[in-house]
Amino acid sequence: MKYFKDEDILHLAITDEVEAKSVELSPNVTAEVNEKGDLIGIEILEASSFIRDSILESSQAKLLELKQAV
């Protein structure tokens, strides 16, 4: 895993294989695949916002579940 602070990009490498193609999974999230189409990495642009929003979203969902259980 590498984080490029100046660009706010998080790169998650699964293997060190050569990227043959990339596929946009959602805005700012790209899957990198090898020649066989196997996932070899994920790149997240605007990573700090993406991580923050993901954590907030999952936390709010859990808190809502807890409130409903009480």
N, C-alpha and C. Protein backbone atom coordinates (compact mmCIF):
# COMPACT_ATOMS: atom_id res chain seq x y z
N MET A 1 0.85 -1.16 0.00
CA MET A 1 0.00 0.00 0.00
C MET A 1 0.90 1.22 0.00
N LYS A 2 0.59 2.16 -0.87
CA LYS A 2 1.34 3.41 -0.94
C LYS A 2 0.36 4.56 -0.98
N TYR A 3 0.68 5.61 -0.23
CA TYR A 3 -0.13 6.82 -0.24
C TYR A 3 0.73 7.96 -0.75
N PHE A 4 0.22 8.66 -1.75
CA PHE A 4 0.91 9.80 -2.33
C PHE A 4 0.20 11.06 -1.83
N LYS A 5 0.77 11.63 -0.77
CA LYS A 5 0.12 12.74 -0.06
C LYS A 5 -0.16 13.94 -0.96
N ASP A 6 0.82 14.35 -1.75
CA ASP A 6 0.65 15.54 -2.58
C ASP A 6 -0.51 15.40 -3.57
N GLU A 7 -0.70 14.19 -4.09
CA GLU A 7 -1.77 13.94 -5.06
C GLU A 7 -3.03 13.39 -4.40
N ASP A 8 -2.94 13.01 -3.13
CA ASP A 8 -4.04 12.39 -2.37
C ASP A 8 -4.54 11.13 -3.08
N ILE A 9 -3.58 10.26 -3.42
CA ILE A 9 -3.88 9.00 -4.12
C ILE A 9 -3.41 7.83 -3.24
N LEU A 10 -4.29 6.86 -3.07
CA LEU A 10 -3.95 5.64 -2.36
C LEU A 10 -3.88 4.51 -3.38
N HIS A 11 -2.74 3.80 -3.38
CA HIS A 11 -2.57 2.69 -4.31
C HIS A 11 -2.40 1.41 -3.51
N LEU A 12 -3.31 0.46 -3.73
CA LEU A 12 -3.26 -0.83 -3.06
C LEU A 12 -2.81 -1.87 -4.07
N ALA A 13 -1.60 -2.37 -3.91
CA ALA A 13 -1.06 -3.36 -4.83
C ALA A 13 -1.27 -4.75 -4.25
N ILE A 14 -1.85 -5.63 -5.05
CA ILE A 14 -2.05 -7.02 -4.64
C ILE A 14 -0.86 -7.85 -5.08
N THR A 15 -0.37 -7.57 -6.27
CA THR A 15 0.84 -8.21 -6.78
C THR A 15 1.70 -7.15 -7.46
N ASP A 16 2.89 -7.53 -7.85
CA ASP A 16 3.76 -6.59 -8.56
C ASP A 16 3.74 -6.84 -10.06
N GLU A 17 2.69 -7.52 -10.54
CA GLU A 17 2.56 -7.78 -11.97
C GLU A 17 2.35 -6.49 -12.75
N VAL A 18 2.57 -6.56 -14.03
CA VAL A 18 2.40 -5.40 -14.91
C VAL A 18 0.91 -5.20 -15.19
N GLU A 19 0.47 -3.97 -15.09
CA GLU A 19 -0.92 -3.63 -15.39
C GLU A 19 -1.15 -3.66 -16.89
N ALA A 20 -2.16 -4.39 -17.30
CA ALA A 20 -2.51 -4.46 -18.72
C ALA A 20 -3.69 -3.55 -19.03
N LYS A 21 -4.53 -3.33 -18.03
CA LYS A 21 -5.76 -2.58 -18.26
C LYS A 21 -6.26 -2.07 -16.92
N SER A 22 -7.03 -1.00 -16.94
CA SER A 22 -7.68 -0.53 -15.73
C SER A 22 -9.17 -0.36 -16.01
N VAL A 23 -9.96 -0.58 -14.95
CA VAL A 23 -11.41 -0.51 -15.07
C VAL A 23 -11.93 0.38 -13.96
N GLU A 24 -12.72 1.40 -14.32
CA GLU A 24 -13.29 2.29 -13.31
C GLU A 24 -14.42 1.57 -12.59
N LEU A 25 -14.28 1.41 -11.27
CA LEU A 25 -15.30 0.76 -10.47
C LEU A 25 -16.37 1.75 -10.02
N SER A 26 -15.93 2.94 -9.71
CA SER A 26 -16.81 4.04 -9.32
C SER A 26 -15.98 5.31 -9.48
N PRO A 27 -16.61 6.47 -9.37
CA PRO A 27 -15.81 7.69 -9.51
C PRO A 27 -14.62 7.67 -8.54
N ASN A 28 -13.45 7.90 -9.06
CA ASN A 28 -12.19 7.97 -8.30
C ASN A 28 -11.67 6.63 -7.81
N VAL A 29 -12.28 5.52 -8.19
CA VAL A 29 -11.78 4.20 -7.79
C VAL A 29 -11.58 3.36 -9.04
N THR A 30 -10.34 2.92 -9.25
CA THR A 30 -9.99 2.17 -10.45
C THR A 30 -9.36 0.84 -10.07
N ALA A 31 -9.82 -0.23 -10.73
CA ALA A 31 -9.21 -1.55 -10.55
C ALA A 31 -8.17 -1.73 -11.64
N GLU A 32 -7.03 -2.26 -11.26
CA GLU A 32 -5.96 -2.55 -12.21
C GLU A 32 -5.91 -4.06 -12.40
N VAL A 33 -5.86 -4.50 -13.66
CA VAL A 33 -5.86 -5.93 -13.95
C VAL A 33 -4.66 -6.30 -14.82
N ASN A 34 -4.26 -7.57 -14.75
CA ASN A 34 -3.17 -8.07 -15.58
C ASN A 34 -3.71 -8.56 -16.92
N GLU A 35 -2.86 -9.18 -17.71
CA GLU A 35 -3.27 -9.65 -19.05
C GLU A 35 -4.38 -10.70 -18.99
N LYS A 36 -4.44 -11.47 -17.90
CA LYS A 36 -5.47 -12.50 -17.74
C LYS A 36 -6.79 -11.94 -17.22
N GLY A 37 -6.79 -10.66 -16.83
CA GLY A 37 -7.98 -10.05 -16.27
C GLY A 37 -8.09 -10.20 -14.77
N ASP A 38 -7.02 -10.67 -14.13
CA ASP A 38 -7.00 -10.81 -12.68
C ASP A 38 -6.71 -9.47 -12.02
N LEU A 39 -7.36 -9.21 -10.92
CA LEU A 39 -7.14 -7.98 -10.17
C LEU A 39 -5.73 -7.98 -9.59
N ILE A 40 -4.99 -6.90 -9.84
CA ILE A 40 -3.63 -6.80 -9.30
C ILE A 40 -3.45 -5.56 -8.43
N GLY A 41 -4.44 -4.64 -8.46
CA GLY A 41 -4.33 -3.45 -7.64
C GLY A 41 -5.56 -2.58 -7.74
N ILE A 42 -5.63 -1.64 -6.80
CA ILE A 42 -6.72 -0.66 -6.79
C ILE A 42 -6.12 0.70 -6.53
N GLU A 43 -6.60 1.68 -7.28
CA GLU A 43 -6.14 3.05 -7.10
C GLU A 43 -7.34 3.91 -6.70
N ILE A 44 -7.16 4.70 -5.64
CA ILE A 44 -8.23 5.58 -5.16
C ILE A 44 -7.75 7.01 -5.23
N LEU A 45 -8.41 7.81 -6.06
CA LEU A 45 -8.13 9.24 -6.15
C LEU A 45 -8.93 9.94 -5.06
N GLU A 46 -8.45 11.11 -4.64
CA GLU A 46 -9.10 11.84 -3.54
C GLU A 46 -9.32 10.90 -2.36
N ALA A 47 -8.26 10.16 -2.03
CA ALA A 47 -8.33 9.08 -1.05
C ALA A 47 -8.78 9.54 0.33
N SER A 48 -8.31 10.67 0.79
CA SER A 48 -8.68 11.10 2.14
C SER A 48 -10.18 11.31 2.25
N SER A 49 -10.80 11.90 1.24
CA SER A 49 -12.26 12.09 1.24
C SER A 49 -12.98 10.75 1.13
N PHE A 50 -12.47 9.87 0.29
CA PHE A 50 -13.08 8.56 0.09
C PHE A 50 -13.08 7.75 1.38
N ILE A 51 -11.94 7.71 2.05
CA ILE A 51 -11.84 6.96 3.31
C ILE A 51 -12.73 7.59 4.37
N ARG A 52 -12.67 8.91 4.51
CA ARG A 52 -13.50 9.60 5.51
C ARG A 52 -14.98 9.31 5.28
N ASP A 53 -15.42 9.46 4.03
CA ASP A 53 -16.84 9.24 3.71
C ASP A 53 -17.25 7.79 3.94
N SER A 54 -16.38 6.85 3.61
CA SER A 54 -16.68 5.43 3.81
C SER A 54 -16.82 5.11 5.30
N ILE A 55 -15.93 5.64 6.10
CA ILE A 55 -15.99 5.40 7.54
C ILE A 55 -17.23 6.04 8.14
N LEU A 56 -17.51 7.27 7.75
CA LEU A 56 -18.71 7.94 8.27
C LEU A 56 -19.98 7.19 7.88
N GLU A 57 -20.06 6.76 6.65
CA GLU A 57 -21.24 6.05 6.16
C GLU A 57 -21.46 4.75 6.93
N SER A 58 -20.41 3.96 7.09
CA SER A 58 -20.57 2.68 7.79
C SER A 58 -20.83 2.90 9.28
N SER A 59 -20.21 3.92 9.87
CA SER A 59 -20.44 4.22 11.28
C SER A 59 -21.88 4.67 11.52
N GLN A 60 -22.38 5.53 10.65
CA GLN A 60 -23.75 6.00 10.80
C GLN A 60 -24.75 4.86 10.65
N ALA A 61 -24.48 3.94 9.74
CA ALA A 61 -25.36 2.79 9.56
C ALA A 61 -25.37 1.92 10.81
N LYS A 62 -24.19 1.67 11.39
CA LYS A 62 -24.11 0.86 12.62
C LYS A 62 -24.82 1.55 13.77
N LEU A 63 -24.63 2.86 13.89
CA LEU A 63 -25.29 3.60 14.98
C LEU A 63 -26.81 3.57 14.82
N LEU A 64 -27.27 3.65 13.60
CA LEU A 64 -28.71 3.57 13.33
C LEU A 64 -29.25 2.19 13.73
N GLU A 65 -28.50 1.16 13.41
CA GLU A 65 -28.90 -0.20 13.82
C GLU A 65 -28.98 -0.32 15.33
N LEU A 66 -28.01 0.26 16.05
CA LEU A 66 -28.00 0.21 17.50
C LEU A 66 -29.20 0.95 18.08
N LYS A 67 -29.51 2.12 17.54
CA LYS A 67 -30.66 2.90 18.03
C LYS A 67 -31.96 2.13 17.84
N GLN A 68 -32.08 1.45 16.71
CA GLN A 68 -33.31 0.71 16.44
C GLN A 68 -33.42 -0.52 17.32
N ALA A 69 -32.30 -1.06 17.76
CA ALA A 69 -32.32 -2.24 18.61
C ALA A 69 -32.69 -1.90 20.06
N VAL A 70 -32.50 -0.65 20.42
CA VAL A 70 -32.77 -0.24 21.82
C VAL A 70 -34.19 0.07 22.05
